[in-house]
C-alpha atoms as a PDB file:
ATOM      1  CA  UNK A   1       9.777  18.832  -5.175  1.00  0.00           C
ATOM      2  CA  UNK A   2      11.364  18.597  -8.916  1.00  0.00           C
ATOM      3  CA  UNK A   3       7.026  18.157 -10.457  1.00  0.00           C
ATOM      4  CA  UNK A   4       8.864  15.945 -12.747  1.00  0.00           C
ATOM      5  CA  UNK A   5       9.260  13.860 -10.113  1.00  0.00           C
ATOM      6  CA  UNK A   6       5.772  13.950  -8.687  1.00  0.00           C
ATOM      7  CA  UNK A   7       4.022  13.672 -11.853  1.00  0.00           C
ATOM      8  CA  UNK A   8       6.105   9.699 -12.117  1.00  0.00           C
ATOM      9  CA  UNK A   9       5.677   9.507  -9.142  1.00  0.00           C
ATOM     10  CA  UNK A  10       1.336  10.186  -9.598  1.00  0.00           C
ATOM     11  CA  UNK A  11       1.733   7.878 -12.900  1.00  0.00           C
ATOM     12  CA  UNK A  12       3.568   5.016 -11.635  1.00  0.00           C
ATOM     13  CA  UNK A  13       0.807   5.119  -8.760  1.00  0.00           C
ATOM     14  CA  UNK A  14      -1.689   5.355 -11.139  1.00  0.00           C
ATOM     15  CA  UNK A  15      -0.860   2.772 -13.786  1.00  0.00           C
ATOM     16  CA  UNK A  16       0.291   0.267 -11.557  1.00  0.00           C
ATOM     17  CA  UNK A  17      -1.729  -3.207 -11.034  1.00  0.00           C
ATOM     18  CA  UNK A  18       0.382  -4.369  -8.374  1.00  0.00           C
ATOM     19  CA  UNK A  19       2.136  -2.941  -5.024  1.00  0.00           C
ATOM     20  CA  UNK A  20       4.830  -4.842  -3.088  1.00  0.00           C
ATOM     21  CA  UNK A  21       4.136  -4.721   0.322  1.00  0.00           C
ATOM     22  CA  UNK A  22       6.723  -4.719   3.470  1.00  0.00           C
ATOM     23  CA  UNK A  23       6.153  -6.103   6.363  1.00  0.00           C
ATOM     24  CA  UNK A  24       7.726  -7.427   9.869  1.00  0.00           C
ATOM     25  CA  UNK A  25       7.481 -10.860  10.772  1.00  0.00           C
ATOM     26  CA  UNK A  26       7.573 -12.109  14.810  1.00  0.00           C
ATOM     27  CA  UNK A  27      11.078 -12.704  14.831  1.00  0.00           C
ATOM     28  CA  UNK A  28      12.234  -9.320  12.976  1.00  0.00           C
ATOM     29  CA  UNK A  29      12.824 -10.044   9.396  1.00  0.00           C
ATOM     30  CA  UNK A  30      11.336  -8.307   6.638  1.00  0.00           C
ATOM     31  CA  UNK A  31       8.359 -10.252   4.639  1.00  0.00           C
ATOM     32  CA  UNK A  32       7.374  -9.166   1.169  1.00  0.00           C
ATOM     33  CA  UNK A  33       4.185  -9.546  -1.062  1.00  0.00           C
ATOM     34  CA  UNK A  34       2.586  -8.858  -4.033  1.00  0.00           C
ATOM     35  CA  UNK A  35      -0.881  -7.029  -3.697  1.00  0.00           C
ATOM     36  CA  UNK A  36      -3.637  -5.393  -5.837  1.00  0.00           C
ATOM     37  CA  UNK A  37      -3.240  -1.692  -5.728  1.00  0.00           C
ATOM     38  CA  UNK A  38      -7.009  -1.052  -4.717  1.00  0.00           C
ATOM     39  CA  UNK A  39      -7.670   2.704  -3.672  1.00  0.00           C
ATOM     40  CA  UNK A  40      -5.731   5.978  -3.111  1.00  0.00           C
ATOM     41  CA  UNK A  41      -6.821   8.991  -0.719  1.00  0.00           C
ATOM     42  CA  UNK A  42      -3.872  10.788  -1.816  1.00  0.00           C
ATOM     43  CA  UNK A  43      -0.097   9.305  -3.103  1.00  0.00           C
ATOM     44  CA  UNK A  44       0.661   9.391   0.322  1.00  0.00           C
ATOM     45  CA  UNK A  45      -1.973   7.150   1.815  1.00  0.00           C
ATOM     46  CA  UNK A  46      -3.443   3.718   0.050  1.00  0.00           C
ATOM     47  CA  UNK A  47      -6.172   0.532   0.755  1.00  0.00           C
ATOM     48  CA  UNK A  48      -5.881  -2.417   0.516  1.00  0.00           C
ATOM     49  CA  UNK A  49      -8.182  -5.554   1.131  1.00  0.00           C
ATOM     50  CA  UNK A  50      -7.140  -8.718   2.014  1.00  0.00           C
ATOM     51  CA  UNK A  51      -8.146 -11.363   4.860  1.00  0.00           C
ATOM     52  CA  UNK A  52      -8.663 -10.397   7.743  1.00  0.00           C
ATOM     53  CA  UNK A  53      -7.298 -14.153   8.755  1.00  0.00           C
ATOM     54  CA  UNK A  54      -3.985 -13.755   6.755  1.00  0.00           C
ATOM     55  CA  UNK A  55      -0.412 -13.670   8.007  1.00  0.00           C
ATOM     56  CA  UNK A  56       0.054 -10.375   7.060  1.00  0.00           C
ATOM     57  CA  UNK A  57      -3.033  -8.866   9.422  1.00  0.00           C
ATOM     58  CA  UNK A  58      -1.829 -10.699  12.309  1.00  0.00           C
ATOM     59  CA  UNK A  59       1.730  -9.115  11.584  1.00  0.00           C
ATOM     60  CA  UNK A  60       1.052  -5.141  10.898  1.00  0.00           C
ATOM     61  CA  UNK A  61      -1.315  -5.850  14.252  1.00  0.00           C
ATOM     62  CA  UNK A  62       1.581  -6.608  16.233  1.00  0.00           C
ATOM     63  CA  UNK A  63       4.151  -3.960  14.429  1.00  0.00           C
ATOM     64  CA  UNK A  64       3.018  -1.637  12.584  1.00  0.00           C
ATOM     65  CA  UNK A  65       6.169  -1.072  10.423  1.00  0.00           C
ATOM     66  CA  UNK A  66       5.383  -0.864   6.714  1.00  0.00           C
ATOM     67  CA  UNK A  67       7.012   0.228   3.463  1.00  0.00           C
ATOM     68  CA  UNK A  68       4.877  -0.385  -0.366  1.00  0.00           C
ATOM     69  CA  UNK A  69       6.932  -0.108  -3.240  1.00  0.00           C
ATOM     70  CA  UNK A  70       5.457   1.105  -7.062  1.00  0.00           C
ATOM     71  CA  UNK A  71       7.683   0.295 -10.029  1.00  0.00           C
ATOM     72  CA  UNK A  72       8.099   0.608 -14.351  1.00  0.00           C
ATOM     73  CA  UNK A  73      10.500  -1.462 -15.146  1.00  0.00           C
ATOM     74  CA  UNK A  74      10.687  -0.494 -18.870  1.00  0.00           C
ATOM     75  CA  UNK A  75      11.429   2.879 -17.654  1.00  0.00           C
ATOM     76  CA  UNK A  76      13.352   1.979 -14.853  1.00  0.00           C
ATOM     77  CA  UNK A  77      11.421   3.948 -12.393  1.00  0.00           C
ATOM     78  CA  UNK A  78      10.712   2.724  -8.264  1.00  0.00           C
ATOM     79  CA  UNK A  79       8.892   4.855  -6.254  1.00  0.00           C
ATOM     80  CA  UNK A  80       9.586   3.623  -1.987  1.00  0.00           C
ATOM     81  CA  UNK A  81       7.520   4.743   0.403  1.00  0.00           C
ATOM     82  CA  UNK A  82       7.684   3.531   3.869  1.00  0.00           C
ATOM     83  CA  UNK A  83       5.435   4.404   7.097  1.00  0.00           C
ATOM     84  CA  UNK A  84       2.818   2.157   8.458  1.00  0.00           C
ATOM     85  CA  UNK A  85      -0.525   0.274   8.187  1.00  0.00           C
ATOM     86  CA  UNK A  86      -3.395   0.134  10.208  1.00  0.00           C
ATOM     87  CA  UNK A  87      -5.673  -2.650   9.702  1.00  0.00           C
ATOM     88  CA  UNK A  88      -9.184  -1.539   9.284  1.00  0.00           C
ATOM     89  CA  UNK A  89     -12.335  -3.705  10.498  1.00  0.00           C
ATOM     90  CA  UNK A  90     -15.092  -1.281  10.517  1.00  0.00           C
ATOM     91  CA  UNK A  91     -18.036  -1.351   7.587  1.00  0.00           C
ATOM     92  CA  UNK A  92     -17.145   3.019   6.220  1.00  0.00           C
ATOM     93  CA  UNK A  93     -13.660   1.555   5.853  1.00  0.00           C
ATOM     94  CA  UNK A  94     -14.451  -1.586   3.976  1.00  0.00           C
ATOM     95  CA  UNK A  95     -17.629  -0.443   2.244  1.00  0.00           C
ATOM     96  CA  UNK A  96     -14.825   2.293   0.806  1.00  0.00           C
ATOM     97  CA  UNK A  97     -13.625   0.281  -1.531  1.00  0.00           C
ATOM     98  CA  UNK A  98     -15.555  -2.756  -1.969  1.00  0.00           C
ATOM     99  CA  UNK A  99     -16.348  -3.673  -5.624  1.00  0.00           C
ATOM    100  CA  UNK A 100     -19.143  -5.929  -6.849  1.00  0.00           C
ATOM    101  CA  UNK A 101     -17.797  -9.345  -6.999  1.00  0.00           C
ATOM    102  CA  UNK A 102     -15.604  -9.332  -3.609  1.00  0.00           C
ATOM    103  CA  UNK A 103     -18.498 -11.563  -2.149  1.00  0.00           C
ATOM    104  CA  UNK A 104     -15.910 -14.425  -4.284  1.00  0.00           C
ATOM    105  CA  UNK A 105     -13.776 -14.241  -1.720  1.00  0.00           C
ATOM    106  CA  UNK A 106     -15.833 -12.614   1.741  1.00  0.00           C
ATOM    107  CA  UNK A 107     -19.070 -14.294   1.066  1.00  0.00           C
ATOM    108  CA  UNK A 108     -21.086 -12.675   3.899  1.00  0.00           C
ATOM    109  CA  UNK A 109     -19.937  -9.158   1.816  1.00  0.00           C
ATOM    110  CA  UNK A 110     -19.071  -6.089   3.295  1.00  0.00           C
ATOM    111  CA  UNK A 111     -19.406  -7.090   6.865  1.00  0.00           C
ATOM    112  CA  UNK A 112     -17.584 -10.674   6.839  1.00  0.00           C
ATOM    113  CA  UNK A 113     -15.186 -10.859   9.881  1.00  0.00           C
ATOM    114  CA  UNK A 114     -12.672 -11.957   7.142  1.00  0.00           C
ATOM    115  CA  UNK A 115     -12.552  -8.850   5.501  1.00  0.00           C
ATOM    116  CA  UNK A 116     -10.137  -5.726   6.652  1.00  0.00           C
ATOM    117  CA  UNK A 117      -8.686  -2.587   4.580  1.00  0.00           C
ATOM    118  CA  UNK A 118      -4.645  -1.761   5.306  1.00  0.00           C
ATOM    119  CA  UNK A 119      -5.091   1.609   5.287  1.00  0.00           C
ATOM    120  CA  UNK A 120      -0.890   2.396   4.939  1.00  0.00           C
ATOM    121  CA  UNK A 121       0.179   5.978   5.760  1.00  0.00           C
ATOM    122  CA  UNK A 122       3.837   6.904   4.101  1.00  0.00           C
ATOM    123  CA  UNK A 123       5.840   8.892   6.839  1.00  0.00           C
ATOM    124  CA  UNK A 124       8.907   9.147   3.828  1.00  0.00           C
ATOM    125  CA  UNK A 125       9.051   8.611  -0.365  1.00  0.00           C
ATOM    126  CA  UNK A 126      12.264   7.288  -2.346  1.00  0.00           C
ATOM    127  CA  UNK A 127      11.767   7.801  -5.691  1.00  0.00           C
ATOM    128  CA  UNK A 128      14.725   5.820  -7.842  1.00  0.00           C
ATOM    129  CA  UNK A 129      15.055   6.608 -12.085  1.00  0.00           C
ATOM    130  CA  UNK A 130      17.928   5.717 -14.059  1.00  0.00           C
ATOM    131  CA  UNK A 131      21.030   6.734 -11.842  1.00  0.00           C
ATOM    132  CA  UNK A 132      19.216   8.402  -9.463  1.00  0.00           C
ATOM    133  CA  UNK A 133      18.106   8.154  -6.643  1.00  0.00           C
ATOM    134  CA  UNK A 134      15.586  10.831  -4.296  1.00  0.00           C
ATOM    135  CA  UNK A 135      14.520  11.114  -0.829  1.00  0.00           C
ATOM    136  CA  UNK A 136      11.962  13.600   0.919  1.00  0.00           C
ATOM    137  CA  UNK A 137       9.793  13.742   3.700  1.00  0.00           C
ATOM    138  CA  UNK A 138       5.607  12.899   2.153  1.00  0.00           C
ATOM    139  CA  UNK A 139       4.339  16.198   2.867  1.00  0.00           C
ATOM    140  CA  UNK A 140       7.323  17.495   0.539  1.00  0.00           C
ATOM    141  CA  UNK A 141       5.110  15.450  -2.148  1.00  0.00           C
ATOM    142  CA  UNK A 142       1.997  16.081  -1.367  1.00  0.00           C
END
């Protein structure tokens, strides 16, 4: 793994406010949604908060295949992580990314039944910069 690529990916993830999350709907078509980039344990894991009642949560409960894309449009850098999403409704996972002010969206607090966390786990990474594309296993990145 080229250290510059790894550094570019780390920087992109660290500075991203938005991640583009892809799911598969019930008819087998891809769906993309911009989501606030929340937290991550390591480069291959990303956490997102959302409503349990959302269309996306239902899609991931039926088909966990997913992708997450980050981009830096000024420098023509993009990173596509491909893997799966687990819909987490347990207290500890939800509390791990809870922020003061989230009550605006989830009035019952961290244990609101309409609050869940998507835990994305990557298997592969596709890095694009300029006119070059490199695809590799997440194990090569971590």
